[in-house]
Amino acid sequence: MAPEQIAKCLVMVVFISLFVASTFAIPKKGKLIHIIREVNRKGPYIGLITVFPPEEAAFFATGAFKPHPKHPFMDLSGRRFRVGKIHEKRVIYVRCGIGTANAVAATQQMLDLFDIVGIVHFGIAGNANNSLSIGDVSIPKQLAHTGIWDWVNPNGTLPSNDVAHLDFKTYNVPKGEDNLLGHIGYSNEQFFSNSQMPNVDRPLFWAKVTQQWLHLASKLEGMKLEQCVNSSLCLDEEPKVVVGLRASTANIFVDNAAYRNFLFRTFKVSSVDMESSATSLSNGFPVIVIRGLSDLAGGQSGLNAIQIFGSLAALNTAIVVVAFLEQLPGSAYS
């Protein structure tokens, strides 16, 4: 075949490929936009956001979620957004993935695309409070992002506006020597809000959940939770719902007794996780966080208990989420 003919054939192949791609891609995108609009016309919805597969499995195991008969889900940016009802309350559910970046991305996408009137974020967490037990469910009033650090050398000076300091040499064995890891200072978030001037931030360390929803959740204290993983493995004490404590979020899985104690002593946090504070900064929308305690965050002797009691903590969390939605009045949608 002559070079001129080869060139013409290649041009034709490229043209056909582009035509086929555009023909199939545009209708697919247009159809998705149409579905989102149709779903939103049936709104508004409560947004439900959990983190990883065991929590999702526990949520669906309650049997409370009833999928939308026509549009049960939409796949967007690699996540599956599920549409349905729980106790006749319209909900859109998504599993965000582990870490603050995933939590922020999924929350923002949900708020941007769907007619959402509030966010219920839920999952499991480590227990940093010795007065609580594995299996308990904590619904905090305040959450802090404890993963924004100024980290300086041993002879360095931390900024005066840091909220708290951690000096590594405090944990030296034996004590008294400098530690090359130096010091950490815990910094505020740079918080932007609809209630502020555009492009102007304010410092924020403690993010608060919605007080009306927290008051509603307080009615769940005393409700019965599951105590056993199976017929041969049970907790020593009956789990409970605790409302109004503090929680910590960072991109760290805490399984260290010294750091666990530092967090509780310094910030008075009862639970530690990797997403909650990221979803609580939800653009002025009502929000509540519900976390089941799956382990002792390093306070145990031996292996972390998350592999043993994680599924039970996830189930208790899901039970509380469903009970909260049942309590939520119709005015929440106004």
C-alpha atoms as a PDB file:
ATOM      1  CA  MET A   1       0.000   0.000   0.000  1.00  0.00           C
ATOM      2  CA  ALA A   2       1.325   3.423  -0.973  1.00  0.00           C
ATOM      3  CA  PRO A   3       2.299   5.871   1.815  1.00  0.00           C
ATOM      4  CA  GLU A   4      -0.480   8.261   0.756  1.00  0.00           C
ATOM      5  CA  GLN A   5      -3.094   5.492   1.098  1.00  0.00           C
ATOM      6  CA  ILE A   6      -1.736   4.460   4.516  1.00  0.00           C
ATOM      7  CA  ALA A   7      -1.987   8.057   5.711  1.00  0.00           C
ATOM      8  CA  LYS A   8      -5.590   8.334   4.489  1.00  0.00           C
ATOM      9  CA  CYS A   9      -6.501   5.075   6.243  1.00  0.00           C
ATOM     10  CA  LEU A  10      -4.976   6.252   9.525  1.00  0.00           C
ATOM     11  CA  VAL A  11      -6.872   9.551   9.341  1.00  0.00           C
ATOM     12  CA  MET A  12     -10.094   7.638   8.684  1.00  0.00           C
ATOM     13  CA  VAL A  13      -9.481   5.284  11.658  1.00  0.00           C
ATOM     14  CA  VAL A  14      -8.852   8.225  14.003  1.00  0.00           C
ATOM     15  CA  PHE A  15     -11.966  10.033  12.731  1.00  0.00           C
ATOM     16  CA  ILE A  16     -14.165   6.971  13.231  1.00  0.00           C
ATOM     17  CA  SER A  17     -12.739   6.365  16.729  1.00  0.00           C
ATOM     18  CA  LEU A  18     -13.437   9.956  17.790  1.00  0.00           C
ATOM     19  CA  PHE A  19     -16.922   9.822  16.306  1.00  0.00           C
ATOM     20  CA  VAL A  20     -17.772   6.568  18.095  1.00  0.00           C
ATOM     21  CA  ALA A  21     -16.365   7.858  21.400  1.00  0.00           C
ATOM     22  CA  SER A  22     -18.296  11.123  21.240  1.00  0.00           C
ATOM     23  CA  THR A  23     -21.464   9.379  20.122  1.00  0.00           C
ATOM     24  CA  PHE A  24     -21.492   7.088  23.161  1.00  0.00           C
ATOM     25  CA  ALA A  25     -19.979   9.419  25.781  1.00  0.00           C
ATOM     26  CA  ILE A  26     -22.278  12.414  25.389  1.00  0.00           C
ATOM     27  CA  PRO A  27     -25.592  10.539  25.725  1.00  0.00           C
ATOM     28  CA  LYS A  28     -24.225   8.661  28.783  1.00  0.00           C
ATOM     29  CA  LYS A  29     -23.289  11.917  30.503  1.00  0.00           C
ATOM     30  CA  GLY A  30     -26.547  13.537  29.471  1.00  0.00           C
ATOM     31  CA  LYS A  31     -28.532  10.574  30.793  1.00  0.00           C
ATOM     32  CA  LEU A  32     -26.744  10.785  34.140  1.00  0.00           C
ATOM     33  CA  ILE A  33     -27.551  14.484  34.468  1.00  0.00           C
ATOM     34  CA  HIS A  34     -31.164  13.706  33.631  1.00  0.00           C
ATOM     35  CA  ILE A  35     -31.295  11.017  36.339  1.00  0.00           C
ATOM     36  CA  ILE A  36     -29.794  13.362  38.948  1.00  0.00           C
ATOM     37  CA  ARG A  37     -32.374  16.015  38.098  1.00  0.00           C
ATOM     38  CA  GLU A  38     -35.171  13.466  38.289  1.00  0.00           C
ATOM     39  CA  VAL A  39     -33.939  12.210  41.664  1.00  0.00           C
ATOM     40  CA  ASN A  40     -33.644  15.751  43.007  1.00  0.00           C
ATOM     41  CA  ARG A  41     -37.222  16.513  42.017  1.00  0.00           C
ATOM     42  CA  LYS A  42     -38.243  13.865  44.566  1.00  0.00           C
ATOM     43  CA  GLY A  43     -36.033  15.440  47.255  1.00  0.00           C
ATOM     44  CA  PRO A  44     -34.784  16.785  49.501  1.00  0.00           C
ATOM     45  CA  TYR A  45     -32.683  14.045  51.112  1.00  0.00           C
ATOM     46  CA  ILE A  46     -30.598  13.309  54.171  1.00  0.00           C
ATOM     47  CA  GLY A  47     -27.048  12.433  53.143  1.00  0.00           C
ATOM     48  CA  LEU A  48     -25.549   9.311  54.744  1.00  0.00           C
ATOM     49  CA  ILE A  49     -21.774   8.879  54.556  1.00  0.00           C
ATOM     50  CA  THR A  50     -19.798   5.943  55.902  1.00  0.00           C
ATOM     51  CA  VAL A  51     -16.194   4.945  55.235  1.00  0.00           C
ATOM     52  CA  PHE A  52     -15.199   1.363  54.385  1.00  0.00           C
ATOM     53  CA  PRO A  53     -16.767  -1.992  53.438  1.00  0.00           C
ATOM     54  CA  PRO A  54     -17.389  -3.533  56.925  1.00  0.00           C
ATOM     55  CA  GLU A  55     -19.369  -0.436  57.930  1.00  0.00           C
ATOM     56  CA  GLU A  56     -21.334  -0.573  54.688  1.00  0.00           C
ATOM     57  CA  ALA A  57     -22.088  -4.270  55.195  1.00  0.00           C
ATOM     58  CA  ALA A  58     -23.380  -3.589  58.713  1.00  0.00           C
ATOM     59  CA  PHE A  59     -25.536  -0.722  57.444  1.00  0.00           C
ATOM     60  CA  PHE A  60     -27.245  -2.847  54.795  1.00  0.00           C
ATOM     61  CA  ALA A  61     -27.519  -5.785  57.216  1.00  0.00           C
ATOM     62  CA  THR A  62     -30.046  -3.783  59.269  1.00  0.00           C
ATOM     63  CA  GLY A  63     -32.479  -4.137  56.358  1.00  0.00           C
ATOM     64  CA  ALA A  64     -33.719  -0.600  56.964  1.00  0.00           C
ATOM     65  CA  PHE A  65     -32.564   0.867  53.642  1.00  0.00           C
ATOM     66  CA  LYS A  66     -35.171   0.557  50.901  1.00  0.00           C
ATOM     67  CA  PRO A  67     -33.717   1.420  47.469  1.00  0.00           C
ATOM     68  CA  HIS A  68     -35.417   3.741  45.020  1.00  0.00           C
ATOM     69  CA  PRO A  69     -37.516   1.558  42.661  1.00  0.00           C
ATOM     70  CA  LYS A  70     -36.406   3.327  39.475  1.00  0.00           C
ATOM     71  CA  HIS A  71     -32.994   4.834  40.286  1.00  0.00           C
ATOM     72  CA  PRO A  72     -31.453   2.769  43.114  1.00  0.00           C
ATOM     73  CA  PHE A  73     -27.940   4.124  42.523  1.00  0.00           C
ATOM     74  CA  MET A  74     -25.691   6.357  40.431  1.00  0.00           C
ATOM     75  CA  ASP A  75     -21.957   5.802  39.884  1.00  0.00           C
ATOM     76  CA  LEU A  76     -20.053   9.087  40.074  1.00  0.00           C
ATOM     77  CA  SER A  77     -16.274   9.590  40.207  1.00  0.00           C
ATOM     78  CA  GLY A  78     -15.708   5.979  41.235  1.00  0.00           C
ATOM     79  CA  ARG A  79     -18.247   6.035  44.084  1.00  0.00           C
ATOM     80  CA  ARG A  80     -21.738   4.549  44.140  1.00  0.00           C
ATOM     81  CA  PHE A  81     -24.406   6.939  45.446  1.00  0.00           C
ATOM     82  CA  ARG A  82     -27.470   4.967  46.525  1.00  0.00           C
ATOM     83  CA  VAL A  83     -30.940   6.503  46.637  1.00  0.00           C
ATOM     84  CA  GLY A  84     -33.674   5.204  48.909  1.00  0.00           C
ATOM     85  CA  LYS A  85     -35.635   5.546  52.118  1.00  0.00           C
ATOM     86  CA  ILE A  86     -35.239   4.603  55.772  1.00  0.00           C
ATOM     87  CA  HIS A  87     -38.419   4.778  57.861  1.00  0.00           C
ATOM     88  CA  GLU A  88     -39.947   6.802  55.022  1.00  0.00           C
ATOM     89  CA  LYS A  89     -37.127   9.362  55.279  1.00  0.00           C
ATOM     90  CA  ARG A  90     -35.546  10.047  51.881  1.00  0.00           C
ATOM     91  CA  VAL A  91     -31.794   9.363  51.951  1.00  0.00           C
ATOM     92  CA  ILE A  92     -28.794   9.266  49.635  1.00  0.00           C
ATOM     93  CA  TYR A  93     -25.999   7.014  50.862  1.00  0.00           C
ATOM     94  CA  VAL A  94     -22.338   6.789  49.835  1.00  0.00           C
ATOM     95  CA  ARG A  95     -19.191   5.055  51.099  1.00  0.00           C
ATOM     96  CA  CYS A  96     -16.453   7.672  50.951  1.00  0.00           C
ATOM     97  CA  GLY A  97     -13.250   5.690  51.599  1.00  0.00           C
ATOM     98  CA  ILE A  98     -10.609   6.002  54.319  1.00  0.00           C
ATOM     99  CA  GLY A  99      -9.031   9.370  55.179  1.00  0.00           C
ATOM    100  CA  THR A 100      -9.919  13.049  55.242  1.00  0.00           C
ATOM    101  CA  ALA A 101      -9.359  13.629  51.499  1.00  0.00           C
ATOM    102  CA  ASN A 102     -11.921  10.946  50.630  1.00  0.00           C
ATOM    103  CA  ALA A 103     -14.351  12.252  53.246  1.00  0.00           C
ATOM    104  CA  VAL A 104     -14.125  15.818  51.949  1.00  0.00           C
ATOM    105  CA  ALA A 105     -14.454  14.784  48.297  1.00  0.00           C
ATOM    106  CA  ALA A 106     -17.494  12.559  48.841  1.00  0.00           C
ATOM    107  CA  THR A 107     -19.244  15.074  51.099  1.00  0.00           C
ATOM    108  CA  GLN A 108     -18.699  17.981  48.725  1.00  0.00           C
ATOM    109  CA  GLN A 109     -19.803  15.962  45.703  1.00  0.00           C
ATOM    110  CA  MET A 110     -22.965  14.881  47.496  1.00  0.00           C
ATOM    111  CA  LEU A 111     -23.816  18.449  48.502  1.00  0.00           C
ATOM    112  CA  ASP A 112     -23.038  19.841  45.050  1.00  0.00           C
ATOM    113  CA  LEU A 113     -25.034  17.310  43.015  1.00  0.00           C
ATOM    114  CA  PHE A 114     -28.004  16.380  45.174  1.00  0.00           C
ATOM    115  CA  ASP A 115     -30.747  18.179  47.066  1.00  0.00           C
ATOM    116  CA  ILE A 116     -29.309  17.503  50.528  1.00  0.00           C
ATOM    117  CA  VAL A 117     -30.580  19.114  53.744  1.00  0.00           C
ATOM    118  CA  GLY A 118     -28.143  17.521  56.200  1.00  0.00           C
ATOM    119  CA  ILE A 119     -25.363  14.961  56.640  1.00  0.00           C
ATOM    120  CA  VAL A 120     -25.221  11.918  58.937  1.00  0.00           C
ATOM    121  CA  HIS A 121     -21.650  10.655  59.005  1.00  0.00           C
ATOM    122  CA  PHE A 122     -21.063   7.286  60.660  1.00  0.00           C
ATOM    123  CA  GLY A 123     -18.535   4.502  61.125  1.00  0.00           C
ATOM    124  CA  ILE A 124     -16.245   2.932  63.702  1.00  0.00           C
ATOM    125  CA  ALA A 125     -13.535   4.590  65.786  1.00  0.00           C
ATOM    126  CA  GLY A 126     -10.847   3.951  68.364  1.00  0.00           C
ATOM    127  CA  ASN A 127     -11.701   4.487  72.029  1.00  0.00           C
ATOM    128  CA  ALA A 128      -9.450   6.998  73.825  1.00  0.00           C
ATOM    129  CA  ASN A 129     -11.565   7.289  76.990  1.00  0.00           C
ATOM    130  CA  ASN A 130     -11.183   4.701  79.756  1.00  0.00           C
ATOM    131  CA  SER A 131     -14.721   5.378  80.978  1.00  0.00           C
ATOM    132  CA  LEU A 132     -16.090   4.043  77.669  1.00  0.00           C
ATOM    133  CA  SER A 133     -15.974   0.489  76.333  1.00  0.00           C
ATOM    134  CA  ILE A 134     -15.641  -1.315  73.035  1.00  0.00           C
ATOM    135  CA  GLY A 135     -19.095  -1.605  71.463  1.00  0.00           C
ATOM    136  CA  ASP A 136     -20.303   1.752  72.808  1.00  0.00           C
ATOM    137  CA  VAL A 137     -21.531   4.320  70.284  1.00  0.00           C
ATOM    138  CA  SER A 138     -20.360   7.912  70.683  1.00  0.00           C
ATOM    139  CA  ILE A 139     -22.217  10.891  69.199  1.00  0.00           C
ATOM    140  CA  PRO A 140     -19.807  13.792  69.811  1.00  0.00           C
ATOM    141  CA  LYS A 141     -20.683  17.458  70.177  1.00  0.00           C
ATOM    142  CA  GLN A 142     -17.268  18.676  68.966  1.00  0.00           C
ATOM    143  CA  LEU A 143     -14.604  17.363  66.617  1.00  0.00           C
ATOM    144  CA  ALA A 144     -11.024  18.465  66.047  1.00  0.00           C
ATOM    145  CA  HIS A 145      -8.638  17.817  63.168  1.00  0.00           C
ATOM    146  CA  THR A 146      -5.552  16.819  65.169  1.00  0.00           C
ATOM    147  CA  GLY A 147      -3.427  16.133  62.106  1.00  0.00           C
ATOM    148  CA  ILE A 148      -2.441  19.704  61.178  1.00  0.00           C
ATOM    149  CA  TRP A 149       1.035  20.070  62.666  1.00  0.00           C
ATOM    150  CA  ASP A 150       3.952  22.436  62.911  1.00  0.00           C
ATOM    151  CA  TRP A 151       6.889  20.035  63.348  1.00  0.00           C
ATOM    152  CA  VAL A 152      10.164  21.659  64.395  1.00  0.00           C
ATOM    153  CA  ASN A 153      13.654  20.620  65.464  1.00  0.00           C
ATOM    154  CA  PRO A 154      14.557  20.066  69.149  1.00  0.00           C
ATOM    155  CA  ASN A 155      15.844  23.648  69.405  1.00  0.00           C
ATOM    156  CA  GLY A 156      13.054  25.076  67.260  1.00  0.00           C
ATOM    157  CA  THR A 157      10.267  27.402  68.402  1.00  0.00           C
ATOM    158  CA  LEU A 158       6.637  26.525  67.779  1.00  0.00           C
ATOM    159  CA  PRO A 159       4.178  29.251  66.727  1.00  0.00           C
ATOM    160  CA  SER A 160       2.526  30.960  69.692  1.00  0.00           C
ATOM    161  CA  ASN A 161      -0.961  30.394  68.236  1.00  0.00           C
ATOM    162  CA  ASP A 162      -0.671  26.591  68.175  1.00  0.00           C
ATOM    163  CA  VAL A 163      -3.459  24.991  70.198  1.00  0.00           C
ATOM    164  CA  ALA A 164      -1.277  22.380  71.920  1.00  0.00           C
ATOM    165  CA  HIS A 165       2.276  21.018  71.905  1.00  0.00           C
ATOM    166  CA  LEU A 166       3.757  17.523  71.942  1.00  0.00           C
ATOM    167  CA  ASP A 167       7.411  17.259  73.022  1.00  0.00           C
ATOM    168  CA  PHE A 168       8.911  13.920  71.971  1.00  0.00           C
ATOM    169  CA  LYS A 169      11.611  13.943  74.640  1.00  0.00           C
ATOM    170  CA  THR A 170       8.831  13.592  77.235  1.00  0.00           C
ATOM    171  CA  TYR A 171       8.533   9.986  76.057  1.00  0.00           C
ATOM    172  CA  ASN A 172      12.256   9.154  76.094  1.00  0.00           C
ATOM    173  CA  VAL A 173      13.382   6.079  78.001  1.00  0.00           C
ATOM    174  CA  PRO A 174      15.446   6.908  79.972  1.00  0.00           C
ATOM    175  CA  LYS A 175      14.219  10.478  80.386  1.00  0.00           C
ATOM    176  CA  GLY A 176      16.317  13.591  80.149  1.00  0.00           C
ATOM    177  CA  GLU A 177      17.935  13.369  76.716  1.00  0.00           C
ATOM    178  CA  ASP A 178      16.915  15.407  73.674  1.00  0.00           C
ATOM    179  CA  ASN A 179      14.904  13.625  70.994  1.00  0.00           C
ATOM    180  CA  LEU A 180      15.753  14.334  67.358  1.00  0.00           C
ATOM    181  CA  LEU A 181      12.063  14.243  66.449  1.00  0.00           C
ATOM    182  CA  GLY A 182      11.751  17.541  68.310  1.00  0.00           C
ATOM    183  CA  HIS A 183       8.316  19.068  68.911  1.00  0.00           C
ATOM    184  CA  ILE A 184       4.888  19.111  67.294  1.00  0.00           C
ATOM    185  CA  GLY A 185       2.450  21.988  67.529  1.00  0.00           C
ATOM    186  CA  TYR A 186      -1.225  21.420  66.765  1.00  0.00           C
ATOM    187  CA  SER A 187      -2.583  24.084  64.419  1.00  0.00           C
ATOM    188  CA  ASN A 188      -6.045  25.408  63.619  1.00  0.00           C
ATOM    189  CA  GLU A 189      -7.943  24.760  60.420  1.00  0.00           C
ATOM    190  CA  GLN A 190      -8.256  27.663  57.983  1.00  0.00           C
ATOM    191  CA  PHE A 191     -12.034  27.632  57.901  1.00  0.00           C
ATOM    192  CA  PHE A 192     -14.091  29.162  55.102  1.00  0.00           C
ATOM    193  CA  SER A 193     -17.839  29.539  55.513  1.00  0.00           C
ATOM    194  CA  ASN A 194     -20.923  30.807  53.707  1.00  0.00           C
ATOM    195  CA  SER A 195     -21.485  33.148  56.647  1.00  0.00           C
ATOM    196  CA  GLN A 196     -18.141  34.923  56.109  1.00  0.00           C
ATOM    197  CA  MET A 197     -16.727  37.260  53.506  1.00  0.00           C
ATOM    198  CA  PRO A 198     -15.587  35.396  50.368  1.00  0.00           C
ATOM    199  CA  ASN A 199     -11.966  34.212  50.395  1.00  0.00           C
ATOM    200  CA  VAL A 200     -11.536  35.154  54.063  1.00  0.00           C
ATOM    201  CA  ASP A 201     -10.792  32.345  56.505  1.00  0.00           C
ATOM    202  CA  ARG A 202     -10.940  32.168  60.275  1.00  0.00           C
ATOM    203  CA  PRO A 203      -9.034  29.828  62.599  1.00  0.00           C
ATOM    204  CA  LEU A 204     -11.047  26.822  63.770  1.00  0.00           C
ATOM    205  CA  PHE A 205      -9.973  23.930  65.958  1.00  0.00           C
ATOM    206  CA  TRP A 206     -13.231  22.564  67.379  1.00  0.00           C
ATOM    207  CA  ALA A 207     -15.950  21.954  64.798  1.00  0.00           C
ATOM    208  CA  LYS A 208     -19.428  21.600  66.268  1.00  0.00           C
ATOM    209  CA  VAL A 209     -22.204  19.317  65.111  1.00  0.00           C
ATOM    210  CA  THR A 210     -25.729  20.691  64.772  1.00  0.00           C
ATOM    211  CA  GLN A 211     -27.145  21.297  68.255  1.00  0.00           C
ATOM    212  CA  GLN A 212     -30.763  20.484  67.326  1.00  0.00           C
ATOM    213  CA  TRP A 213     -29.703  17.127  65.928  1.00  0.00           C
ATOM    214  CA  LEU A 214     -27.479  16.473  68.942  1.00  0.00           C
ATOM    215  CA  HIS A 215     -30.439  17.151  71.252  1.00  0.00           C
ATOM    216  CA  LEU A 216     -32.545  14.752  69.204  1.00  0.00           C
ATOM    217  CA  ALA A 217     -29.796  12.130  69.416  1.00  0.00           C
ATOM    218  CA  SER A 218     -29.714  12.425  73.217  1.00  0.00           C
ATOM    219  CA  LYS A 219     -33.078  10.642  73.236  1.00  0.00           C
ATOM    220  CA  LEU A 220     -31.251   7.530  71.987  1.00  0.00           C
ATOM    221  CA  GLU A 221     -29.273   7.140  75.199  1.00  0.00           C
ATOM    222  CA  GLY A 222     -30.445   3.972  76.900  1.00  0.00           C
ATOM    223  CA  MET A 223     -31.428   2.190  73.687  1.00  0.00           C
ATOM    224  CA  LYS A 224     -30.461  -1.456  73.404  1.00  0.00           C
ATOM    225  CA  LEU A 225     -27.400  -2.369  71.371  1.00  0.00           C
ATOM    226  CA  GLU A 226     -25.866  -5.693  70.356  1.00  0.00           C
ATOM    227  CA  GLN A 227     -23.469  -7.255  72.882  1.00  0.00           C
ATOM    228  CA  CYS A 228     -22.293 -10.384  71.032  1.00  0.00           C
ATOM    229  CA  VAL A 229     -20.334 -10.982  67.854  1.00  0.00           C
ATOM    230  CA  ASN A 230     -21.708 -14.542  67.836  1.00  0.00           C
ATOM    231  CA  SER A 231     -23.017 -17.124  70.282  1.00  0.00           C
ATOM    232  CA  SER A 232     -19.556 -17.742  71.747  1.00  0.00           C
ATOM    233  CA  LEU A 233     -18.056 -14.222  71.725  1.00  0.00           C
ATOM    234  CA  CYS A 234     -19.651 -11.408  73.731  1.00  0.00           C
ATOM    235  CA  LEU A 235     -18.576  -8.191  75.393  1.00  0.00           C
ATOM    236  CA  ASP A 236     -18.337  -8.191  79.182  1.00  0.00           C
ATOM    237  CA  GLU A 237     -20.704  -5.216  79.492  1.00  0.00           C
ATOM    238  CA  GLU A 238     -23.783  -4.162  77.582  1.00  0.00           C
ATOM    239  CA  PRO A 239     -22.856  -1.399  75.112  1.00  0.00           C
ATOM    240  CA  LYS A 240     -24.382   2.054  75.444  1.00  0.00           C
ATOM    241  CA  VAL A 241     -24.988   5.229  73.440  1.00  0.00           C
ATOM    242  CA  VAL A 242     -23.091   8.260  74.753  1.00  0.00           C
ATOM    243  CA  VAL A 243     -23.909  11.768  73.504  1.00  0.00           C
ATOM    244  CA  GLY A 244     -22.004  15.029  73.849  1.00  0.00           C
ATOM    245  CA  LEU A 245     -18.310  14.095  74.125  1.00  0.00           C
ATOM    246  CA  ARG A 246     -15.384  15.133  71.912  1.00  0.00           C
ATOM    247  CA  ALA A 247     -13.763  13.381  68.939  1.00  0.00           C
ATOM    248  CA  SER A 248     -10.448  13.613  67.107  1.00  0.00           C
ATOM    249  CA  THR A 249      -9.755  13.148  63.399  1.00  0.00           C
ATOM    250  CA  ALA A 250      -6.391  12.722  61.623  1.00  0.00           C
ATOM    251  CA  ASN A 251      -4.986  10.624  58.801  1.00  0.00           C
ATOM    252  CA  ILE A 252      -3.533   8.295  61.418  1.00  0.00           C
ATOM    253  CA  PHE A 253      -4.728   4.907  62.654  1.00  0.00           C
ATOM    254  CA  VAL A 254      -3.985   5.302  66.370  1.00  0.00           C
ATOM    255  CA  ASP A 255      -2.761   2.083  67.989  1.00  0.00           C
ATOM    256  CA  ASN A 256      -0.348   3.538  70.514  1.00  0.00           C
ATOM    257  CA  ALA A 257      -1.048   3.827  74.241  1.00  0.00           C
ATOM    258  CA  ALA A 258       1.166   6.875  74.843  1.00  0.00           C
ATOM    259  CA  TYR A 259      -0.372   8.877  71.990  1.00  0.00           C
ATOM    260  CA  ARG A 260      -3.879   7.739  72.964  1.00  0.00           C
ATOM    261  CA  ASN A 261      -3.310   9.046  76.484  1.00  0.00           C
ATOM    262  CA  PHE A 262      -1.818  12.279  75.147  1.00  0.00           C
ATOM    263  CA  LEU A 263      -4.896  12.930  72.998  1.00  0.00           C
ATOM    264  CA  PHE A 264      -7.282  12.289  75.876  1.00  0.00           C
ATOM    265  CA  ARG A 265      -5.255  14.276  78.403  1.00  0.00           C
ATOM    266  CA  THR A 266      -4.623  17.246  76.075  1.00  0.00           C
ATOM    267  CA  PHE A 267      -7.871  17.511  74.115  1.00  0.00           C
ATOM    268  CA  LYS A 268     -10.304  15.439  76.237  1.00  0.00           C
ATOM    269  CA  VAL A 269     -11.316  13.432  73.145  1.00  0.00           C
ATOM    270  CA  SER A 270     -13.122  10.125  73.628  1.00  0.00           C
ATOM    271  CA  SER A 271     -12.900   8.726  70.106  1.00  0.00           C
ATOM    272  CA  VAL A 272     -10.306   8.848  67.338  1.00  0.00           C
ATOM    273  CA  ASP A 273     -10.957   8.332  63.627  1.00  0.00           C
ATOM    274  CA  MET A 274      -9.776   9.404  60.189  1.00  0.00           C
ATOM    275  CA  GLU A 275     -12.762  11.182  58.584  1.00  0.00           C
ATOM    276  CA  SER A 276     -15.338  12.742  60.922  1.00  0.00           C
ATOM    277  CA  SER A 277     -14.093  16.329  61.225  1.00  0.00           C
ATOM    278  CA  ALA A 278     -13.798  16.496  57.428  1.00  0.00           C
ATOM    279  CA  THR A 279     -17.495  15.744  56.951  1.00  0.00           C
ATOM    280  CA  SER A 280     -18.575  18.009  59.821  1.00  0.00           C
ATOM    281  CA  LEU A 281     -17.380  21.124  57.980  1.00  0.00           C
ATOM    282  CA  SER A 282     -20.215  20.777  55.495  1.00  0.00           C
ATOM    283  CA  ASN A 283     -20.871  24.296  54.259  1.00  0.00           C
ATOM    284  CA  GLY A 284     -23.368  25.249  56.933  1.00  0.00           C
ATOM    285  CA  PHE A 285     -25.554  22.176  56.412  1.00  0.00           C
ATOM    286  CA  PRO A 286     -26.834  20.332  59.507  1.00  0.00           C
ATOM    287  CA  VAL A 287     -24.488  17.490  60.420  1.00  0.00           C
ATOM    288  CA  ILE A 288     -24.135  14.800  63.051  1.00  0.00           C
ATOM    289  CA  VAL A 289     -21.426  12.185  63.609  1.00  0.00           C
ATOM    290  CA  ILE A 290     -22.121   8.685  64.956  1.00  0.00           C
ATOM    291  CA  ARG A 291     -19.146   6.434  65.734  1.00  0.00           C
ATOM    292  CA  GLY A 292     -19.037   2.949  67.262  1.00  0.00           C
ATOM    293  CA  LEU A 293     -15.958   2.106  69.349  1.00  0.00           C
ATOM    294  CA  SER A 294     -14.176  -0.887  67.835  1.00  0.00           C
ATOM    295  CA  ASP A 295     -10.885  -0.929  69.758  1.00  0.00           C
ATOM    296  CA  LEU A 296      -8.831   0.799  72.464  1.00  0.00           C
ATOM    297  CA  ALA A 297      -6.534   2.751  70.101  1.00  0.00           C
ATOM    298  CA  GLY A 298      -3.445   1.102  71.608  1.00  0.00           C
ATOM    299  CA  GLY A 299      -4.635   1.036  75.210  1.00  0.00           C
ATOM    300  CA  GLN A 300      -4.926  -2.751  75.125  1.00  0.00           C
ATOM    301  CA  SER A 301      -2.393  -5.395  76.017  1.00  0.00           C
ATOM    302  CA  GLY A 302      -1.783  -7.515  72.951  1.00  0.00           C
ATOM    303  CA  LEU A 303      -3.315  -7.158  69.507  1.00  0.00           C
ATOM    304  CA  ASN A 304      -5.741  -4.425  68.501  1.00  0.00           C
ATOM    305  CA  ALA A 305      -9.346  -5.576  68.949  1.00  0.00           C
ATOM    306  CA  ILE A 306     -10.653  -4.091  65.705  1.00  0.00           C
ATOM    307  CA  GLN A 307     -10.377  -7.453  63.929  1.00  0.00           C
ATOM    308  CA  ILE A 308     -12.488  -9.087  66.650  1.00  0.00           C
ATOM    309  CA  PHE A 309     -15.050  -6.434  67.552  1.00  0.00           C
ATOM    310  CA  GLY A 310     -14.989  -4.160  64.486  1.00  0.00           C
ATOM    311  CA  SER A 311     -18.039  -5.814  62.944  1.00  0.00           C
ATOM    312  CA  LEU A 312     -20.007  -5.517  66.190  1.00  0.00           C
ATOM    313  CA  ALA A 313     -19.088  -1.839  66.555  1.00  0.00           C
ATOM    314  CA  ALA A 314     -20.132  -1.244  62.941  1.00  0.00           C
ATOM    315  CA  LEU A 315     -23.475  -2.970  63.505  1.00  0.00           C
ATOM    316  CA  ASN A 316     -24.201  -0.961  66.667  1.00  0.00           C
ATOM    317  CA  THR A 317     -23.352   2.213  64.771  1.00  0.00           C
ATOM    318  CA  ALA A 318     -25.758   1.313  61.973  1.00  0.00           C
ATOM    319  CA  ILE A 319     -28.509   0.503  64.496  1.00  0.00           C
ATOM    320  CA  VAL A 320     -28.101   3.948  66.051  1.00  0.00           C
ATOM    321  CA  VAL A 321     -28.095   5.661  62.627  1.00  0.00           C
ATOM    322  CA  VAL A 322     -31.377   3.978  61.723  1.00  0.00           C
ATOM    323  CA  ALA A 323     -32.874   4.928  65.108  1.00  0.00           C
ATOM    324  CA  PHE A 324     -31.755   8.534  64.668  1.00  0.00           C
ATOM    325  CA  LEU A 325     -33.381   8.759  61.247  1.00  0.00           C
ATOM    326  CA  GLU A 326     -36.596   7.348  62.708  1.00  0.00           C
ATOM    327  CA  GLN A 327     -36.543  10.140  65.319  1.00  0.00           C
ATOM    328  CA  LEU A 328     -35.824  12.862  62.740  1.00  0.00           C
ATOM    329  CA  PRO A 329     -38.951  14.988  62.239  1.00  0.00           C
ATOM    330  CA  GLY A 330     -40.381  15.852  58.845  1.00  0.00           C
ATOM    331  CA  SER A 331     -39.392  19.475  59.462  1.00  0.00           C
ATOM    332  CA  ALA A 332     -35.780  18.414  58.869  1.00  0.00           C
ATOM    333  CA  TYR A 333     -36.648  18.437  55.157  1.00  0.00           C
ATOM    334  CA  SER A 334     -38.019  21.979  55.138  1.00  0.00           C
END
